[in-house]
Amino acid sequence: MKIRKFKKSDANEVAKLIIKNDLEVAVKFYPKKVVSARLKEITPAKILKKSVKRICFVAEENKKIIGYISLSGNEIKKCFVLPKYHKRGIGRKLVFKIEKIAKIKGIKKLVLYSNFYTEKFYKKCGFKRLKIIWENVGDLKFKQIYMEKKLK
C-alpha cells in the first residue's frame, strides 16, 4: 500500500469509493434520507472541482484506490477508506500524511467534522471532541462532532 498525491484521473474511482462507503457504513447511523442527500453531492466533477483548492491524497494498493483524504486550510474535509480495508491502519496513515503536510505549512491545529461512527477512529489519531453541531444537507439535519488536534 502506498500513499500518493491525488491526480485528476482518480476522481471517478474516488467518487465510487466515497459512495460505496456511504452505502455500506453511513446507512448504519444516518437516516436513509440523509445518506441519499449526501450521495447526490458525490460526483467525479465535484471532487475534481474541490481538489483544485485542497491538498488531496489517495491510498493505493495494486493500482486500486482504497482510501482518500483531503485538506482545506486546517480542516480535514474528507477521509474515506473502502469498507473491506477498514481496521488495517490505512485511514491512520492518510491522517498522518495530512498532519505531516500541515506541519510543513505551519498549521498548528487540524479540525474536522466527524460522526458517531468515526469519532473513535479520530480519537485514536489524537483528535479531541469539542462540540456536537447540527449539519444541514438540503432540508435535512443531522448531528456532527467537531473535533481538533493540536500539532506539535
Protein backbone atom coordinates (compact mmCIF):
# COMPACT_ATOMS: atom_id res chain seq x y z
CA MET A 1 0.00 0.00 0.00
CA LYS A 2 1.29 3.44 -0.89
CA ILE A 3 0.01 6.94 -0.37
CA ARG A 4 0.37 9.37 -3.25
CA LYS A 5 -0.97 12.72 -4.41
CA PHE A 6 -4.43 12.72 -5.94
CA LYS A 7 -4.48 13.02 -9.75
CA LYS A 8 -7.34 14.24 -11.94
CA SER A 9 -7.70 10.73 -13.32
CA ASP A 10 -8.53 9.49 -9.77
CA ALA A 11 -11.81 11.42 -9.47
CA ASN A 12 -14.09 8.67 -10.77
CA GLU A 13 -12.57 5.99 -8.54
CA VAL A 14 -12.60 8.30 -5.51
CA ALA A 15 -16.29 9.10 -6.08
CA LYS A 16 -17.05 5.36 -6.21
CA LEU A 17 -15.05 4.81 -3.01
CA ILE A 18 -16.98 7.50 -1.10
CA ILE A 19 -20.35 6.27 -2.43
CA LYS A 20 -19.53 2.67 -1.50
CA ASN A 21 -18.55 3.82 1.98
CA ASP A 22 -21.80 5.73 2.45
CA LEU A 23 -23.89 2.82 1.17
CA GLU A 24 -22.19 0.29 3.45
CA VAL A 25 -21.27 2.34 6.50
CA ALA A 26 -23.19 5.63 6.71
CA VAL A 27 -26.54 3.85 6.39
CA LYS A 28 -25.85 2.27 9.79
CA PHE A 29 -26.03 5.59 11.65
CA TYR A 30 -27.65 8.16 9.35
CA PRO A 31 -31.29 8.16 8.21
CA LYS A 32 -31.64 6.96 4.60
CA LYS A 33 -32.79 10.43 3.50
CA VAL A 34 -29.53 11.94 4.79
CA VAL A 35 -27.44 9.28 3.02
CA SER A 36 -29.39 9.83 -0.22
CA ALA A 37 -28.82 13.59 0.00
CA ARG A 38 -25.11 13.06 0.69
CA LEU A 39 -24.80 10.69 -2.28
CA LYS A 40 -26.16 13.35 -4.65
CA GLU A 41 -23.22 15.56 -3.66
CA ILE A 42 -20.59 12.96 -4.59
CA THR A 43 -19.67 13.18 -8.26
CA PRO A 44 -16.32 12.99 -10.04
CA ALA A 45 -16.86 16.55 -11.33
CA LYS A 46 -17.40 17.93 -7.80
CA ILE A 47 -14.39 16.01 -6.47
CA LEU A 48 -12.24 17.44 -9.27
CA LYS A 49 -13.51 20.97 -8.67
CA LYS A 50 -12.77 20.77 -4.94
CA SER A 51 -9.40 19.07 -5.44
CA VAL A 52 -8.05 22.23 -7.08
CA LYS A 53 -8.49 24.10 -3.78
CA ARG A 54 -7.43 21.26 -1.47
CA ILE A 55 -4.47 19.05 -0.70
CA CYS A 56 -5.58 15.53 -1.58
CA PHE A 57 -4.01 12.09 -1.28
CA VAL A 58 -5.08 8.58 -2.12
CA ALA A 59 -4.07 5.24 -0.65
CA GLU A 60 -3.40 2.74 -3.41
CA GLU A 61 -2.88 -1.00 -3.40
CA ASN A 62 -2.17 -2.94 -6.59
CA LYS A 63 -3.09 0.19 -8.60
CA LYS A 64 -6.54 0.31 -6.94
CA ILE A 65 -7.56 3.32 -4.85
CA ILE A 66 -8.59 2.11 -1.41
CA GLY A 67 -8.51 5.39 0.53
CA TYR A 68 -8.79 9.15 0.10
CA ILE A 69 -8.19 12.23 2.25
CA SER A 70 -8.37 15.97 1.60
CA LEU A 71 -7.32 19.07 3.50
CA SER A 72 -8.64 22.61 3.05
CA GLY A 73 -6.77 25.15 5.15
CA ASN A 74 -6.56 23.43 8.51
CA GLU A 75 -9.69 21.30 8.05
CA ILE A 76 -9.71 17.66 7.03
CA LYS A 77 -12.66 17.65 4.65
CA LYS A 78 -12.85 14.02 3.58
CA CYS A 79 -11.26 10.83 4.86
CA PHE A 80 -12.56 7.55 3.48
CA VAL A 81 -11.26 4.00 3.21
CA LEU A 82 -13.06 1.22 1.37
CA PRO A 83 -15.02 -0.74 3.98
CA LYS A 84 -13.24 -4.04 3.34
CA TYR A 85 -9.94 -2.28 4.18
CA HIS A 86 -11.14 -0.81 7.49
CA LYS A 87 -9.10 -1.58 10.63
CA ARG A 88 -5.84 -2.05 8.69
CA GLY A 89 -4.23 1.29 9.56
CA ILE A 90 -4.86 2.87 6.15
CA GLY A 91 -7.00 5.72 7.48
CA ARG A 92 -4.45 6.44 10.17
CA LYS A 93 -1.66 6.60 7.57
CA LEU A 94 -3.73 9.02 5.49
CA VAL A 95 -4.35 11.25 8.52
CA PHE A 96 -0.65 11.20 9.47
CA LYS A 97 0.29 12.14 5.89
CA ILE A 98 -2.00 15.18 6.11
CA GLU A 99 -0.55 16.04 9.53
CA LYS A 100 2.96 15.97 8.09
CA ILE A 101 1.96 18.32 5.25
CA ALA A 102 0.09 20.61 7.69
CA LYS A 103 3.18 20.91 9.91
CA ILE A 104 5.33 21.81 6.91
CA LYS A 105 2.79 24.53 6.06
CA GLY A 106 2.97 25.89 9.62
CA ILE A 107 -0.53 24.77 10.60
CA LYS A 108 -0.79 24.49 14.40
CA LYS A 109 -4.02 22.52 14.66
CA LEU A 110 -6.26 20.40 12.46
CA VAL A 111 -10.04 20.36 12.73
CA LEU A 112 -12.71 18.10 11.25
CA TYR A 113 -16.34 17.13 11.43
CA SER A 114 -16.84 13.52 12.44
CA ASN A 115 -19.85 11.36 13.11
CA PHE A 116 -20.51 8.95 15.94
CA TYR A 117 -19.18 6.02 13.90
CA THR A 118 -15.80 7.59 13.05
CA GLU A 119 -15.26 9.51 16.29
CA LYS A 120 -13.43 6.58 17.91
CA PHE A 121 -11.06 6.37 14.91
CA TYR A 122 -10.23 10.07 15.10
CA LYS A 123 -9.70 9.85 18.87
CA LYS A 124 -7.13 7.10 18.23
CA CYS A 125 -5.43 9.55 15.85
CA GLY A 126 -5.22 12.11 18.67
CA PHE A 127 -8.27 14.28 17.92
CA LYS A 128 -10.49 15.56 20.72
CA ARG A 129 -14.22 16.28 20.64
CA LEU A 130 -15.01 19.96 21.06
CA LYS A 131 -18.75 20.05 20.47
CA ILE A 132 -21.72 18.48 18.73
CA ILE A 133 -23.30 20.53 15.98
CA TRP A 134 -26.24 20.14 13.60
CA GLU A 135 -25.31 19.88 9.91
CA ASN A 136 -27.72 20.57 7.05
CA VAL A 137 -27.93 18.57 3.84
CA GLY A 138 -30.67 20.16 1.82
CA ASP A 139 -33.65 20.40 4.15
CA LEU A 140 -32.38 17.56 6.37
CA LYS A 141 -30.46 17.96 9.63
CA PHE A 142 -28.06 15.53 11.29
CA LYS A 143 -25.53 15.59 14.11
CA GLN A 144 -21.81 16.00 13.51
CA ILE A 145 -18.96 16.09 16.00
CA TYR A 146 -16.49 18.96 15.71
CA MET A 147 -13.01 17.74 16.63
CA GLU A 148 -9.49 19.16 16.72
CA LYS A 149 -5.91 18.07 17.15
CA LYS A 150 -3.09 20.39 18.11
CA LEU A 151 0.02 19.65 16.08
CA LYS A 152 3.42 19.54 17.75
